[in-house]
Amino acid sequence: MSKGEGDHSKVDSVEVKRKRKSCTDEDLSENEEEVQEVENILQKKRKIETIPVTVLDGGMGRELDEKFPDPDFKYIWSAASLLNQPDSVSKCHLSFIEVGAEVIITSNYSCVPSHLAKNDTVNKMYDLIKIAGEQAKKARESSKDPSSIRIAGSLPP
């Protein structure tokens, strides 16, 4: 401890004692309310920190359109990728897994008659849904820790 440090702690100690003596009951009551408010905030923060969070994959359609352009995409969205370049779907799933996704959602959102009719592929709807599941499984199995990755099925409109 340097020469001046001891002096400061004595002064601080005297100052604290003086403040304690000058506090009124009203001051203490206000202080207690502030302390309680801080404790409530901390309790809420602790509660939030214990809520489990699961990370889902991101916007598959946008990823497919940007990384694997397909002329049919504008008509049938991600169903075009399932139809024309299915490996692109597993590659996109895997890229989401690599950045932290714990759950990947099958890419069959656009596999509905209203979309597939735009490209005369309604008859392939069930095959495309199956391919979507297979590509999700392929991505999971290609990941570093397959047992930690879950697959969620998409429920299109």
Protein backbone atom coordinates (compact mmCIF):
# COMPACT_ATOMS: atom_id res chain seq x y z
CA MET A 1 0.00 0.00 0.00
CA SER A 2 1.44 3.37 -0.98
CA LYS A 3 1.65 6.22 1.47
CA GLY A 4 -1.59 7.99 0.52
CA GLU A 5 -3.83 4.89 0.21
CA GLY A 6 -4.30 4.31 3.93
CA ASP A 7 -5.39 7.89 4.37
CA HIS A 8 -8.12 7.49 1.71
CA SER A 9 -9.58 4.39 3.33
CA LYS A 10 -9.73 6.20 6.70
CA VAL A 11 -11.46 9.15 5.08
CA ASP A 12 -13.87 6.85 3.24
CA SER A 13 -14.65 5.01 6.46
CA VAL A 14 -15.32 8.28 8.32
CA GLU A 15 -17.51 9.48 5.42
CA VAL A 16 -19.58 6.27 5.48
CA LYS A 17 -20.08 6.56 9.25
CA ARG A 18 -21.13 10.19 8.89
CA LYS A 19 -23.64 9.29 6.16
CA ARG A 20 -25.06 6.48 8.26
CA LYS A 21 -25.63 8.84 11.15
CA SER A 22 -27.29 11.44 8.93
CA CYS A 23 -29.70 8.99 7.23
CA THR A 24 -33.29 9.30 8.28
CA ASP A 25 -35.84 6.49 8.40
CA GLU A 26 -37.31 7.91 5.19
CA ASP A 27 -33.90 7.68 3.46
CA LEU A 28 -33.57 4.07 4.56
CA SER A 29 -37.06 3.27 3.31
CA GLU A 30 -36.27 4.73 -0.12
CA ASN A 31 -33.01 2.83 -0.16
CA GLU A 32 -34.76 -0.43 0.70
CA GLU A 33 -37.20 0.14 -2.15
CA GLU A 34 -34.32 0.69 -4.57
CA VAL A 35 -32.57 -2.43 -3.30
CA GLN A 36 -35.78 -4.43 -3.68
CA GLU A 37 -36.24 -3.10 -7.23
CA VAL A 38 -32.69 -4.13 -8.14
CA GLU A 39 -33.24 -7.56 -6.59
CA ASN A 40 -36.45 -7.98 -8.63
CA ILE A 41 -34.61 -7.06 -11.83
CA LEU A 42 -31.81 -9.51 -11.04
CA GLN A 43 -34.34 -12.25 -10.26
CA LYS A 44 -36.06 -11.69 -13.63
CA LYS A 45 -32.68 -11.73 -15.38
CA ARG A 46 -31.76 -15.03 -13.72
CA LYS A 47 -35.10 -16.48 -14.76
CA ILE A 48 -34.55 -15.42 -18.39
CA GLU A 49 -31.05 -16.89 -18.39
CA THR A 50 -32.44 -20.30 -17.44
CA ILE A 51 -35.00 -20.45 -20.26
CA PRO A 52 -33.72 -23.01 -22.76
CA VAL A 53 -33.29 -21.69 -26.28
CA THR A 54 -33.28 -23.87 -29.37
CA VAL A 55 -31.70 -22.50 -32.54
CA LEU A 56 -33.61 -23.23 -35.75
CA ASP A 57 -32.30 -22.93 -39.28
CA GLY A 58 -32.90 -19.75 -41.24
CA GLY A 59 -34.62 -18.78 -44.46
CA MET A 60 -34.06 -21.82 -46.64
CA GLY A 61 -35.80 -20.40 -49.71
CA ARG A 62 -33.62 -17.31 -49.81
CA GLU A 63 -30.46 -19.38 -49.29
CA LEU A 64 -31.38 -21.74 -52.10
CA ASP A 65 -32.24 -18.90 -54.46
CA GLU A 66 -28.98 -17.06 -53.75
CA LYS A 67 -26.56 -20.01 -53.65
CA PHE A 68 -28.18 -22.31 -56.21
CA PRO A 69 -30.19 -20.23 -58.69
CA ASP A 70 -32.83 -22.13 -60.64
CA PRO A 71 -35.06 -20.68 -63.38
CA ASP A 72 -38.07 -22.57 -61.96
CA PHE A 73 -37.58 -21.01 -58.52
CA LYS A 74 -39.74 -18.00 -59.31
CA TYR A 75 -42.69 -20.32 -59.93
CA ILE A 76 -42.38 -23.07 -57.35
CA TRP A 77 -39.83 -21.69 -54.89
CA SER A 78 -37.80 -24.28 -53.00
CA ALA A 79 -39.69 -27.13 -54.67
CA ALA A 80 -37.60 -26.27 -57.75
CA SER A 81 -34.46 -27.10 -55.80
CA LEU A 82 -35.93 -30.40 -54.63
CA LEU A 83 -36.91 -31.18 -58.19
CA ASN A 84 -33.84 -30.02 -60.12
CA GLN A 85 -30.92 -30.01 -57.67
CA PRO A 86 -31.82 -31.85 -54.45
CA ASP A 87 -28.24 -31.85 -53.13
CA SER A 88 -28.45 -28.07 -52.90
CA VAL A 89 -31.04 -28.52 -50.15
CA SER A 90 -28.80 -30.71 -47.98
CA LYS A 91 -25.91 -28.29 -48.57
CA CYS A 92 -28.01 -25.37 -47.32
CA HIS A 93 -29.21 -27.39 -44.32
CA LEU A 94 -25.61 -28.24 -43.50
CA SER A 95 -24.54 -24.61 -43.74
CA PHE A 96 -27.21 -23.72 -41.16
CA ILE A 97 -26.03 -26.55 -38.91
CA GLU A 98 -22.42 -25.37 -39.18
CA VAL A 99 -23.38 -21.93 -37.86
CA GLY A 100 -25.33 -23.28 -34.91
CA ALA A 101 -28.75 -24.55 -35.98
CA GLU A 102 -29.90 -27.35 -33.70
CA VAL A 103 -33.10 -27.98 -35.65
CA ILE A 104 -33.46 -27.99 -39.42
CA ILE A 105 -36.86 -27.76 -41.05
CA THR A 106 -37.62 -29.86 -44.11
CA SER A 107 -37.73 -27.78 -47.25
CA ASN A 108 -41.19 -28.76 -48.43
CA TYR A 109 -43.09 -25.57 -47.64
CA SER A 110 -43.81 -24.92 -51.30
CA CYS A 111 -44.75 -28.54 -52.06
CA VAL A 112 -48.44 -27.80 -52.26
CA PRO A 113 -50.76 -28.06 -55.26
CA SER A 114 -51.24 -24.29 -55.57
CA HIS A 115 -47.50 -23.75 -56.13
CA LEU A 116 -46.70 -26.92 -58.02
CA ALA A 117 -49.51 -26.25 -60.50
CA LYS A 118 -47.57 -23.21 -61.72
CA ASN A 119 -44.95 -25.57 -63.11
CA ASP A 120 -47.20 -28.53 -63.92
CA THR A 121 -45.57 -30.69 -61.22
CA VAL A 122 -48.50 -31.42 -58.88
CA ASN A 123 -48.10 -35.11 -59.69
CA LYS A 124 -44.64 -35.01 -58.04
CA MET A 125 -45.81 -33.51 -54.76
CA TYR A 126 -45.37 -36.63 -52.59
CA ASP A 127 -42.00 -37.43 -54.15
CA LEU A 128 -40.79 -33.90 -53.43
CA ILE A 129 -41.92 -34.12 -49.80
CA LYS A 130 -40.01 -37.39 -49.47
CA ILE A 131 -36.91 -35.83 -51.06
CA ALA A 132 -37.14 -32.93 -48.61
CA GLY A 133 -36.99 -35.36 -45.68
CA GLU A 134 -34.14 -37.32 -47.24
CA GLN A 135 -32.10 -34.17 -47.81
CA ALA A 136 -32.61 -33.07 -44.21
CA LYS A 137 -31.44 -36.51 -43.00
CA LYS A 138 -28.45 -36.34 -45.33
CA ALA A 139 -27.43 -32.97 -43.89
CA ARG A 140 -27.82 -34.22 -40.32
CA GLU A 141 -25.69 -37.30 -41.04
CA SER A 142 -23.03 -35.12 -42.69
CA SER A 143 -22.77 -32.87 -39.64
CA LYS A 144 -20.04 -33.18 -37.00
CA ASP A 145 -22.51 -34.34 -34.33
CA PRO A 146 -25.58 -35.93 -35.97
CA SER A 147 -27.16 -36.92 -32.67
CA SER A 148 -27.43 -33.27 -31.65
CA ILE A 149 -29.39 -32.22 -34.75
CA ARG A 150 -33.15 -32.58 -34.89
CA ILE A 151 -35.32 -32.46 -37.97
CA ALA A 152 -38.69 -30.74 -37.98
CA GLY A 153 -41.19 -31.36 -40.74
CA SER A 154 -42.66 -28.33 -42.42
CA LEU A 155 -46.42 -28.02 -42.44
CA PRO A 156 -47.28 -25.97 -45.52
CA PRO A 157 -50.52 -24.06 -45.90
